[in-house]
């Protein structure tokens, strides 16, 4: 039988297999590196896009913060103007209050039968001192005060008979009541 030496053929085949495996390995490494570079480039693009979005959002935030600051300034100005307006209305009401009270008081006086000598205000109550010809006149004056929408809690504090000019007997009286301005109560609260 003939013997064939297959060793060189096997060695060449082994070398070829090794060469193919090295080539496959190198191609795999190159392909992996290429894929990683492509993915890295894609991520860099995404990062750049996100950074530009962040930059735009930051500039919008600054713009909106300026708008918010201006709105708050306008709100403060509006609040101050409303406070000033309400203070002006209170002053106007306070200015007209004594005039209205005196006008209502003159409507309640019984003419030719009584005279007021003094009026004072303390703790929201009006103290009225005067002279009347008799008790009926004082009672009629008190009834008029109670019927008036400008006075509440009418109370006779004192009534004394004295002589005037040694011939005329008169009644000196003191009445306590609370003045009310009906038009102040009728106005809606918080109206601007």
N, C-alpha and C. Protein backbone atom coordinates (compact mmCIF):
# COMPACT_ATOMS: atom_id res chain seq x y z
N UNK A 1 0.81 -1.14 0.00
CA UNK A 1 0.00 0.00 0.00
C UNK A 1 0.87 1.23 0.00
N UNK A 2 0.28 2.24 -0.60
CA UNK A 2 1.05 3.45 -0.77
C UNK A 2 0.72 4.37 0.41
N UNK A 3 1.71 4.88 0.91
CA UNK A 3 1.50 5.82 2.01
C UNK A 3 1.67 7.23 1.48
N UNK A 4 0.65 8.07 1.78
CA UNK A 4 0.71 9.47 1.35
C UNK A 4 0.93 10.29 2.61
N UNK A 5 1.81 11.17 2.49
CA UNK A 5 2.10 12.05 3.62
C UNK A 5 1.15 13.26 3.54
N UNK A 6 0.16 13.32 4.40
CA UNK A 6 -0.84 14.40 4.40
C UNK A 6 -0.49 15.48 5.41
N UNK A 7 0.61 15.41 6.01
CA UNK A 7 0.99 16.39 7.02
C UNK A 7 1.13 17.80 6.44
N UNK A 8 1.80 18.02 5.33
CA UNK A 8 1.89 19.40 4.83
C UNK A 8 0.51 19.94 4.48
N UNK A 9 -0.36 19.10 3.99
CA UNK A 9 -1.70 19.56 3.63
C UNK A 9 -2.46 19.96 4.89
N UNK A 10 -2.34 19.20 5.92
CA UNK A 10 -3.02 19.51 7.18
C UNK A 10 -2.44 20.76 7.81
N UNK A 11 -1.18 20.97 7.72
CA UNK A 11 -0.55 22.16 8.27
C UNK A 11 -1.02 23.39 7.51
N UNK A 12 -1.09 23.26 6.20
CA UNK A 12 -1.55 24.38 5.39
C UNK A 12 -3.01 24.68 5.71
N UNK A 13 -3.78 23.64 5.92
CA UNK A 13 -5.19 23.83 6.26
C UNK A 13 -5.34 24.48 7.63
N UNK A 14 -4.51 24.10 8.57
CA UNK A 14 -4.54 24.70 9.90
C UNK A 14 -4.18 26.17 9.81
N UNK A 15 -3.15 26.49 9.00
CA UNK A 15 -2.73 27.88 8.83
C UNK A 15 -3.87 28.70 8.21
N UNK A 16 -4.53 28.10 7.25
CA UNK A 16 -5.65 28.79 6.58
C UNK A 16 -6.79 29.01 7.57
N UNK A 17 -7.09 28.03 8.39
CA UNK A 17 -8.14 28.17 9.41
C UNK A 17 -7.78 29.26 10.41
N UNK A 18 -6.54 29.28 10.83
CA UNK A 18 -6.09 30.31 11.77
C UNK A 18 -6.20 31.68 11.11
N UNK A 19 -5.78 31.79 9.85
CA UNK A 19 -5.86 33.05 9.11
C UNK A 19 -7.32 33.49 9.00
N UNK A 20 -8.22 32.59 8.72
CA UNK A 20 -9.63 32.93 8.60
C UNK A 20 -10.20 33.38 9.96
N UNK A 21 -9.82 32.70 11.01
CA UNK A 21 -10.31 33.08 12.33
C UNK A 21 -9.79 34.45 12.74
N UNK A 22 -8.51 34.72 12.43
CA UNK A 22 -7.94 36.04 12.74
C UNK A 22 -8.66 37.10 11.94
N UNK A 23 -8.93 36.83 10.65
CA UNK A 23 -9.63 37.79 9.79
C UNK A 23 -11.05 38.04 10.32
N UNK A 24 -11.74 36.98 10.70
CA UNK A 24 -13.09 37.13 11.24
C UNK A 24 -13.04 37.95 12.53
N UNK A 25 -12.05 37.65 13.36
CA UNK A 25 -11.91 38.39 14.60
C UNK A 25 -11.64 39.86 14.33
N UNK A 26 -10.69 40.15 13.42
CA UNK A 26 -10.36 41.54 13.09
C UNK A 26 -11.55 42.25 12.46
N UNK A 27 -12.25 41.56 11.56
CA UNK A 27 -13.44 42.18 10.97
C UNK A 27 -14.52 42.44 12.03
N UNK A 28 -14.65 41.53 12.98
CA UNK A 28 -15.62 41.72 14.06
C UNK A 28 -15.24 42.93 14.91
N UNK A 29 -13.94 43.05 15.20
CA UNK A 29 -13.46 44.20 15.98
C UNK A 29 -13.70 45.50 15.22
N UNK A 30 -13.35 45.50 13.90
CA UNK A 30 -13.55 46.70 13.08
C UNK A 30 -15.04 47.04 13.01
N UNK A 31 -15.87 46.03 12.81
CA UNK A 31 -17.31 46.26 12.75
C UNK A 31 -17.82 46.79 14.09
N UNK A 32 -17.36 46.22 15.19
CA UNK A 32 -17.78 46.68 16.52
C UNK A 32 -17.35 48.12 16.74
N UNK A 33 -16.09 48.44 16.36
CA UNK A 33 -15.60 49.82 16.50
C UNK A 33 -16.41 50.78 15.64
N UNK A 34 -16.73 50.36 14.41
CA UNK A 34 -17.52 51.20 13.51
C UNK A 34 -18.90 51.45 14.09
N UNK A 35 -19.52 50.39 14.61
CA UNK A 35 -20.84 50.55 15.22
C UNK A 35 -20.78 51.45 16.44
N UNK A 36 -19.73 51.29 17.25
CA UNK A 36 -19.59 52.14 18.44
C UNK A 36 -19.37 53.60 18.05
N UNK A 37 -18.55 53.84 17.04
CA UNK A 37 -18.32 55.21 16.57
C UNK A 37 -19.62 55.81 16.03
N UNK A 38 -20.35 55.04 15.25
CA UNK A 38 -21.64 55.53 14.72
C UNK A 38 -22.63 55.83 15.83
N UNK A 39 -22.70 54.93 16.80
CA UNK A 39 -23.61 55.14 17.93
C UNK A 39 -23.17 56.35 18.75
N UNK A 40 -21.85 56.49 18.95
CA UNK A 40 -21.31 57.64 19.68
C UNK A 40 -21.63 58.95 18.96
N UNK A 41 -21.50 58.94 17.63
CA UNK A 41 -21.82 60.13 16.83
C UNK A 41 -23.31 60.45 16.96
N UNK A 42 -24.14 59.41 16.92
CA UNK A 42 -25.58 59.62 17.05
C UNK A 42 -25.91 60.19 18.44
N UNK A 43 -25.27 59.65 19.48
CA UNK A 43 -25.49 60.17 20.84
C UNK A 43 -25.00 61.60 20.96
N UNK A 44 -23.86 61.91 20.32
CA UNK A 44 -23.35 63.29 20.36
C UNK A 44 -24.34 64.24 19.71
N UNK A 45 -24.93 63.82 18.60
CA UNK A 45 -25.96 64.64 17.95
C UNK A 45 -27.18 64.84 18.84
N UNK A 46 -27.60 63.76 19.49
CA UNK A 46 -28.74 63.86 20.41
C UNK A 46 -28.41 64.80 21.57
N UNK A 47 -27.20 64.65 22.11
CA UNK A 47 -26.77 65.51 23.23
C UNK A 47 -26.75 66.97 22.79
N UNK A 48 -26.20 67.22 21.60
CA UNK A 48 -26.15 68.60 21.09
C UNK A 48 -27.57 69.15 20.93
N UNK A 49 -28.48 68.34 20.41
CA UNK A 49 -29.87 68.78 20.26
C UNK A 49 -30.52 69.07 21.60
N UNK A 50 -30.28 68.18 22.57
CA UNK A 50 -30.85 68.39 23.90
C UNK A 50 -30.25 69.63 24.57
N UNK A 51 -28.94 69.84 24.37
CA UNK A 51 -28.31 71.03 24.95
C UNK A 51 -28.89 72.30 24.33
N UNK A 52 -29.14 72.28 23.02
CA UNK A 52 -29.75 73.46 22.39
C UNK A 52 -31.17 73.66 22.90
N UNK A 53 -31.91 72.55 23.14
CA UNK A 53 -33.25 72.67 23.72
C UNK A 53 -33.18 73.26 25.12
N UNK A 54 -32.19 72.80 25.91
CA UNK A 54 -32.01 73.34 27.26
C UNK A 54 -31.69 74.82 27.19
N UNK A 55 -30.83 75.20 26.26
CA UNK A 55 -30.46 76.61 26.11
C UNK A 55 -31.68 77.46 25.74
N UNK A 56 -32.50 76.96 24.81
CA UNK A 56 -33.71 77.69 24.42
C UNK A 56 -34.69 77.78 25.59
N UNK A 57 -34.82 76.67 26.34
CA UNK A 57 -35.72 76.68 27.49
C UNK A 57 -35.22 77.66 28.55
N UNK A 58 -33.90 77.73 28.73
CA UNK A 58 -33.34 78.67 29.71
C UNK A 58 -33.62 80.11 29.29
N UNK A 59 -33.46 80.41 28.01
CA UNK A 59 -33.73 81.77 27.55
C UNK A 59 -35.23 82.09 27.68
N UNK A 60 -36.11 81.12 27.40
CA UNK A 60 -37.54 81.33 27.59
C UNK A 60 -37.86 81.53 29.06
N UNK A 61 -37.17 80.76 29.93
CA UNK A 61 -37.38 80.89 31.36
C UNK A 61 -37.02 82.29 31.83
N UNK A 62 -35.90 82.82 31.34
CA UNK A 62 -35.50 84.18 31.70
C UNK A 62 -36.56 85.17 31.24
N UNK A 63 -37.06 84.98 30.01
CA UNK A 63 -38.10 85.87 29.49
C UNK A 63 -39.36 85.79 30.34
N UNK A 64 -39.78 84.57 30.68
CA UNK A 64 -40.99 84.40 31.48
C UNK A 64 -40.80 84.94 32.89
N UNK A 65 -39.58 84.80 33.44
CA UNK A 65 -39.33 85.37 34.77
C UNK A 65 -39.45 86.88 34.74
N UNK A 66 -39.00 87.51 33.65
CA UNK A 66 -39.15 88.96 33.53
C UNK A 66 -40.63 89.32 33.43
N UNK A 67 -41.39 88.52 32.68
CA UNK A 67 -42.83 88.78 32.56
C UNK A 67 -43.51 88.60 33.91
N UNK A 68 -43.14 87.54 34.63
CA UNK A 68 -43.71 87.29 35.96
C UNK A 68 -43.38 88.44 36.90
N UNK A 69 -42.14 88.93 36.84
CA UNK A 69 -41.74 90.05 37.69
C UNK A 69 -42.59 91.29 37.38
N UNK A 70 -42.80 91.56 36.07
CA UNK A 70 -43.62 92.71 35.68
C UNK A 70 -45.07 92.53 36.14
N UNK A 71 -45.59 91.29 36.02
CA UNK A 71 -46.96 91.03 36.47
C UNK A 71 -47.08 91.26 37.98
N UNK A 72 -46.08 90.80 38.74
CA UNK A 72 -46.11 91.02 40.19
C UNK A 72 -46.04 92.51 40.51
N UNK A 73 -45.23 93.26 39.76
CA UNK A 73 -45.16 94.71 39.97
C UNK A 73 -46.52 95.34 39.68
N UNK A 74 -47.18 94.89 38.60
CA UNK A 74 -48.51 95.42 38.28
C UNK A 74 -49.52 95.06 39.36
N UNK A 75 -49.42 93.82 39.88
CA UNK A 75 -50.34 93.42 40.95
C UNK A 75 -50.12 94.27 42.19
N UNK A 76 -48.84 94.52 42.54
CA UNK A 76 -48.55 95.37 43.70
C UNK A 76 -49.08 96.78 43.48
N UNK A 77 -48.88 97.31 42.28
CA UNK A 77 -49.38 98.65 41.97
C UNK A 77 -50.90 98.67 42.05
N UNK A 78 -51.55 97.64 41.52
CA UNK A 78 -53.01 97.56 41.57
C UNK A 78 -53.50 97.49 43.01
N UNK A 79 -52.83 96.67 43.84
CA UNK A 79 -53.21 96.55 45.24
C UNK A 79 -53.07 97.88 45.96
N UNK A 80 -51.95 98.60 45.68
CA UNK A 80 -51.74 99.90 46.30
C UNK A 80 -52.80 100.90 45.84
N UNK A 81 -53.13 100.86 44.55
CA UNK A 81 -54.16 101.77 44.04
C UNK A 81 -55.53 101.46 44.66
N UNK A 82 -55.83 100.19 44.83
CA UNK A 82 -57.10 99.83 45.47
C UNK A 82 -57.13 100.29 46.92
N UNK A 83 -55.99 100.15 47.63
CA UNK A 83 -55.93 100.62 49.01
C UNK A 83 -56.12 102.13 49.06
N UNK A 84 -55.46 102.84 48.15
CA UNK A 84 -55.61 104.29 48.11
C UNK A 84 -57.04 104.67 47.77
N UNK A 85 -57.64 103.95 46.83
CA UNK A 85 -59.01 104.23 46.44
C UNK A 85 -59.97 104.02 47.62
N UNK A 86 -59.77 102.91 48.35
CA UNK A 86 -60.65 102.66 49.50
C UNK A 86 -60.41 103.70 50.60
N UNK A 87 -59.16 104.13 50.77
CA UNK A 87 -58.88 105.18 51.76
C UNK A 87 -59.55 106.48 51.36
N UNK A 88 -59.52 106.80 50.07
CA UNK A 88 -60.18 108.02 49.58
C UNK A 88 -61.68 107.93 49.80
N UNK A 89 -62.26 106.76 49.51
CA UNK A 89 -63.70 106.59 49.72
C UNK A 89 -64.05 106.73 51.20
N UNK A 90 -63.22 106.14 52.08
CA UNK A 90 -63.47 106.28 53.51
C UNK A 90 -63.40 107.73 53.94
N UNK A 91 -62.40 108.45 53.41
CA UNK A 91 -62.29 109.87 53.75
C UNK A 91 -63.49 110.66 53.25
N UNK A 92 -63.95 110.34 52.04
CA UNK A 92 -65.12 111.02 51.51
C UNK A 92 -66.35 110.73 52.36
N UNK A 93 -66.50 109.46 52.77
CA UNK A 93 -67.63 109.11 53.62
C UNK A 93 -67.50 109.78 54.99
N UNK A 94 -66.30 109.79 55.52
CA UNK A 94 -66.06 110.43 56.82
C UNK A 94 -66.28 111.93 56.76
N UNK A 95 -65.97 112.53 55.63
CA UNK A 95 -66.14 113.97 55.47
C UNK A 95 -67.63 114.31 55.42
N UNK A 96 -68.40 113.49 54.76
CA UNK A 96 -69.83 113.75 54.62
C UNK A 96 -70.62 113.30 55.84
N UNK A 97 -70.04 112.44 56.68
CA UNK A 97 -70.74 111.90 57.84
C UNK A 97 -71.24 112.96 58.81
N UNK A 98 -70.37 113.85 59.31
CA UNK A 98 -70.85 114.88 60.24
C UNK A 98 -71.91 115.80 59.63
N UNK A 99 -71.75 116.13 58.37
CA UNK A 99 -72.74 116.98 57.70
C UNK A 99 -74.09 116.27 57.65
N UNK A 100 -74.07 114.99 57.30
CA UNK A 100 -75.31 114.21 57.24
C UNK A 100 -75.93 114.10 58.63
N UNK A 101 -75.11 113.88 59.64
CA UNK A 101 -75.61 113.77 61.01
C UNK A 101 -76.26 115.07 61.46
N UNK A 102 -75.59 116.19 61.20
CA UNK A 102 -76.16 117.49 61.59
C UNK A 102 -77.44 117.79 60.82
N UNK A 103 -77.47 117.44 59.55
CA UNK A 103 -78.68 117.67 58.76
C UNK A 103 -79.84 116.83 59.31
N UNK A 104 -79.57 115.57 59.63
CA UNK A 104 -80.61 114.71 60.20
C UNK A 104 -81.05 115.23 61.56
N UNK A 105 -80.11 115.77 62.33
CA UNK A 105 -80.43 116.31 63.65
C UNK A 105 -81.37 117.51 63.52
N UNK A 106 -81.10 118.39 62.55
CA UNK A 106 -81.96 119.56 62.37
C UNK A 106 -83.36 119.16 61.94
N UNK A 107 -83.50 118.03 61.24
CA UNK A 107 -84.82 117.55 60.84
C UNK A 107 -85.62 117.03 62.04
N UNK A 108 -84.91 116.61 63.09
CA UNK A 108 -85.57 116.03 64.26
C UNK A 108 -85.95 117.08 65.31
N UNK A 109 -85.35 118.24 65.29
CA UNK A 109 -85.61 119.27 66.30
C UNK A 109 -87.05 119.76 66.17
N UNK A 110 -87.68 119.97 67.32
CA UNK A 110 -89.04 120.53 67.36
C UNK A 110 -88.88 122.05 67.37
N UNK A 111 -89.26 122.74 66.28
CA UNK A 111 -89.01 124.18 66.19
C UNK A 111 -89.78 124.97 67.26
N UNK A 112 -89.16 126.02 67.72
CA UNK A 112 -89.71 126.97 68.68
C UNK A 112 -90.02 126.35 70.03
N UNK A 113 -89.73 125.06 70.21
CA UNK A 113 -90.04 124.39 71.47
C UNK A 113 -88.78 123.87 72.17
N UNK A 114 -87.68 123.84 71.45
CA UNK A 114 -86.45 123.31 72.03
C UNK A 114 -85.24 123.91 71.34
N UNK A 115 -84.08 123.87 72.02
CA UNK A 115 -82.83 124.38 71.49
C UNK A 115 -81.71 123.45 71.94
N UNK A 116 -80.78 123.20 71.06
CA UNK A 116 -79.62 122.38 71.41
C UNK A 116 -78.52 123.31 71.91
N UNK A 117 -77.91 122.93 73.02
CA UNK A 117 -76.83 123.75 73.58
C UNK A 117 -75.46 123.19 73.23
N UNK A 118 -75.34 121.86 73.11
CA UNK A 118 -74.04 121.27 72.74
C UNK A 118 -74.24 119.85 72.24
N UNK A 119 -73.27 119.43 71.46
CA UNK A 119 -73.22 118.04 70.98
C UNK A 119 -71.76 117.61 71.02
N UNK A 120 -71.53 116.38 71.45
CA UNK A 120 -70.17 115.84 71.45
C UNK A 120 -70.24 114.36 71.10
N UNK A 121 -69.14 113.86 70.59
CA UNK A 121 -69.09 112.46 70.22
C UNK A 121 -68.00 111.78 71.03
N UNK A 122 -68.33 110.61 71.57
CA UNK A 122 -67.35 109.84 72.33
C UNK A 122 -67.66 108.36 72.15
N UNK A 123 -66.65 107.60 71.75
CA UNK A 123 -66.77 106.14 71.57
C UNK A 123 -67.90 105.76 70.62
N UNK A 124 -68.10 106.57 69.58
CA UNK A 124 -69.11 106.27 68.58
C UNK A 124 -70.52 106.69 68.97
N UNK A 125 -70.70 107.26 70.15
CA UNK A 125 -72.01 107.73 70.59
C UNK A 125 -72.04 109.25 70.57
N UNK A 126 -73.20 109.80 70.29
CA UNK A 126 -73.40 111.24 70.22
C UNK A 126 -74.13 111.67 71.48
N UNK A 127 -73.54 112.60 72.23
CA UNK A 127 -74.16 113.16 73.43
C UNK A 127 -74.75 114.51 73.06
N UNK A 128 -76.06 114.64 73.25
CA UNK A 128 -76.79 115.85 72.87
C UNK A 128 -77.30 116.52 74.14
N UNK A 129 -76.95 117.79 74.33
CA UNK A 129 -77.44 118.57 75.46
C UNK A 129 -78.32 119.68 74.90
N UNK A 130 -79.43 119.94 75.59
CA UNK A 130 -80.32 120.99 75.11
C UNK A 130 -81.33 121.44 76.14
N UNK A 131 -82.19 122.36 75.69
CA UNK A 131 -83.24 122.93 76.53
C UNK A 131 -84.56 122.76 75.79
N UNK A 132 -85.60 122.34 76.53
CA UNK A 132 -86.94 122.20 75.94
C UNK A 132 -87.95 122.85 76.88
N UNK A 133 -89.11 123.19 76.34
CA UNK A 133 -90.12 123.85 77.17
C UNK A 133 -90.84 122.87 78.09
N UNK A 134 -90.91 121.58 77.68
CA UNK A 134 -91.57 120.61 78.54
C UNK A 134 -91.09 119.19 78.19
N UNK A 135 -91.55 118.22 78.99
CA UNK A 135 -91.16 116.82 78.78
C UNK A 135 -91.74 116.26 77.49
N UNK A 136 -92.90 116.70 77.09
CA UNK A 136 -93.51 116.22 75.85
C UNK A 136 -92.66 116.59 74.64
N UNK A 137 -92.05 117.75 74.68
CA UNK A 137 -91.17 118.16 73.58
C UNK A 137 -89.94 117.26 73.52
N UNK A 138 -89.39 116.94 74.68
CA UNK A 138 -88.23 116.04 74.73
C UNK A 138 -88.63 114.66 74.19
N UNK A 139 -89.80 114.18 74.58
CA UNK A 139 -90.27 112.87 74.11
C UNK A 139 -90.49 112.90 72.60
N UNK A 140 -91.07 113.99 72.10
CA UNK A 140 -91.30 114.11 70.66
C UNK A 140 -89.97 114.14 69.90
N UNK A 141 -88.96 114.83 70.45
CA UNK A 141 -87.62 114.89 69.84
C UNK A 141 -87.00 113.49 69.81
N UNK A 142 -87.14 112.75 70.91
CA UNK A 142 -86.58 111.39 70.97
C UNK A 142 -87.28 110.47 69.96
N UNK A 143 -88.61 110.62 69.81
CA UNK A 143 -89.33 109.81 68.83
C UNK A 143 -88.83 110.10 67.41
N UNK A 144 -88.60 111.37 67.12
CA UNK A 144 -88.10 111.74 65.80
C UNK A 144 -86.70 111.16 65.57
N UNK A 145 -85.87 111.18 66.61
CA UNK A 145 -84.53 110.59 66.49
C UNK A 145 -84.63 109.09 66.20
N UNK A 146 -85.51 108.40 66.92
CA UNK A 146 -85.65 106.96 66.73
C UNK A 146 -86.20 106.62 65.35
N UNK A 147 -87.09 107.46 64.83
CA UNK A 147 -87.67 107.22 63.50
C UNK A 147 -86.68 107.54 62.39
N UNK A 148 -85.71 108.36 62.68
CA UNK A 148 -84.73 108.74 61.66
C UNK A 148 -83.81 107.56 61.36
N UNK A 149 -83.47 107.34 60.09
CA UNK A 149 -82.54 106.25 59.77
C UNK A 149 -81.09 106.58 60.14
N UNK A 150 -80.88 107.80 60.63
CA UNK A 150 -79.51 108.23 60.93
C UNK A 150 -79.12 108.02 62.39
N UNK A 151 -80.06 107.60 63.25
CA UNK A 151 -79.75 107.44 64.67
C UNK A 151 -80.34 106.14 65.19
N UNK A 152 -79.59 105.47 66.07
CA UNK A 152 -80.08 104.27 66.75
C UNK A 152 -79.72 104.37 68.22
N UNK A 153 -80.28 103.50 69.02
CA UNK A 153 -80.00 103.43 70.46
C UNK A 153 -80.19 104.79 71.14
N UNK A 154 -81.33 105.42 70.92
CA UNK A 154 -81.62 106.72 71.54
C UNK A 154 -81.99 106.48 73.00
N UNK A 155 -81.30 107.21 73.91
CA UNK A 155 -81.50 107.01 75.34
C UNK A 155 -81.46 108.36 76.05
N UNK A 156 -82.46 108.63 76.88
CA UNK A 156 -82.49 109.87 77.67
C UNK A 156 -81.61 109.66 78.89
N UNK A 157 -80.57 110.45 79.02
CA UNK A 157 -79.64 110.32 80.14
C UNK A 157 -80.15 111.11 81.37
N UNK A 158 -80.62 112.32 81.11
CA UNK A 158 -81.15 113.12 82.23
C UNK A 158 -82.10 114.18 81.71
N UNK A 159 -83.00 114.61 82.59
CA UNK A 159 -83.92 115.70 82.30
C UNK A 159 -84.21 116.40 83.62
N UNK A 160 -83.89 117.69 83.71
CA UNK A 160 -84.08 118.45 84.95
C UNK A 160 -84.80 119.76 84.64
N UNK A 161 -85.66 120.14 85.55
CA UNK A 161 -86.36 121.41 85.37
C UNK A 161 -85.54 122.51 86.02
N UNK A 162 -85.35 123.59 85.29
CA UNK A 162 -84.64 124.77 85.82
C UNK A 162 -85.42 126.01 85.41
N UNK A 163 -85.09 127.11 86.08
CA UNK A 163 -85.74 128.37 85.75
C UNK A 163 -84.82 129.17 84.85
N UNK A 164 -85.43 129.78 83.88
CA UNK A 164 -84.69 130.58 82.91
C UNK A 164 -85.19 132.02 83.05
N UNK A 165 -84.29 132.91 83.37
CA UNK A 165 -84.60 134.34 83.56
C UNK A 165 -85.64 134.53 84.66
N UNK A 166 -85.61 133.71 85.67
CA UNK A 166 -86.43 133.78 86.88
C UNK A 166 -87.94 133.73 86.63
N UNK A 167 -88.36 133.56 85.40
CA UNK A 167 -89.80 133.52 85.15
C UNK A 167 -90.22 132.28 84.37
N UNK A 168 -89.36 131.79 83.52
CA UNK A 168 -89.72 130.68 82.63
C UNK A 168 -89.09 129.39 83.14
N UNK A 169 -89.92 128.38 83.30
CA UNK A 169 -89.41 127.08 83.72
C UNK A 169 -89.18 126.24 82.47
N UNK A 170 -87.94 125.71 82.32
CA UNK A 170 -87.57 124.90 81.15
C UNK A 170 -86.95 123.60 81.62
N UNK A 171 -86.87 122.67 80.69
CA UNK A 171 -86.26 121.36 80.98
C UNK A 171 -84.89 121.31 80.30
N UNK A 172 -83.87 121.03 81.08
CA UNK A 172 -82.52 120.82 80.56
C UNK A 172 -82.36 119.30 80.42
N UNK A 173 -81.97 118.85 79.23
CA UNK A 173 -81.91 117.41 78.98
C UNK A 173 -80.57 117.01 78.37
N UNK A 174 -80.31 115.73 78.52
CA UNK A 174 -79.13 115.13 77.88
C UNK A 174 -79.57 113.79 77.30
N UNK A 175 -79.31 113.62 75.99
CA UNK A 175 -79.69 112.40 75.27
C UNK A 175 -78.43 111.78 74.66
N UNK A 176 -78.39 110.47 74.72
CA UNK A 176 -77.26 109.73 74.12
C UNK A 176 -77.82 108.85 73.01
N UNK A 177 -77.19 108.90 71.83
CA UNK A 177 -77.61 108.06 70.71
C UNK A 177 -76.40 107.74 69.84
N UNK A 178 -76.60 106.80 68.97
CA UNK A 178 -75.51 106.39 68.08
C UNK A 178 -75.84 106.86 66.66
N UNK A 179 -74.97 107.68 66.07
CA UNK A 179 -75.23 108.13 64.69
C UNK A 179 -74.89 107.02 63.69
N UNK A 180 -75.74 106.93 62.67
CA UNK A 180 -75.55 105.94 61.60
C UNK A 180 -75.76 106.66 60.29
N UNK A 181 -74.88 106.40 59.33
CA UNK A 181 -75.06 106.95 57.98
C UNK A 181 -75.68 105.86 57.13
N UNK A 182 -76.98 105.95 56.79
CA UNK A 182 -77.62 104.87 56.04
C UNK A 182 -77.01 104.65 54.67
N UNK A 183 -76.53 105.66 54.02
CA UNK A 183 -75.95 105.50 52.70
C UNK A 183 -74.60 104.80 52.78
N UNK A 184 -73.92 104.84 53.95
CA UNK A 184 -72.67 104.07 54.10
C UNK A 184 -72.99 102.59 54.21
N UNK A 185 -74.08 102.24 54.90
CA UNK A 185 -74.42 100.83 55.06
C UNK A 185 -74.98 100.26 53.77
N UNK A 186 -75.62 101.11 52.96
CA UNK A 186 -76.22 100.62 51.72
C UNK A 186 -75.18 100.35 50.66
N UNK A 187 -74.00 100.99 50.77
CA UNK A 187 -72.97 100.78 49.74
C UNK A 187 -72.37 99.41 49.91
N UNK A 188 -72.12 98.67 48.81
CA UNK A 188 -71.58 97.32 48.90
C UNK A 188 -70.17 97.33 49.44
N UNK A 189 -69.87 96.37 50.29
CA UNK A 189 -68.54 96.25 50.86
C UNK A 189 -67.55 95.79 49.81
N UNK A 190 -66.35 96.39 49.82
CA UNK A 190 -65.29 95.98 48.91
C UNK A 190 -65.49 96.47 47.50
N UNK A 191 -66.48 97.36 47.26
CA UNK A 191 -66.68 97.88 45.90
C UNK A 191 -65.56 98.84 45.57
N UNK A 192 -65.04 98.74 44.36
CA UNK A 192 -63.95 99.63 43.96
C UNK A 192 -64.38 100.50 42.83
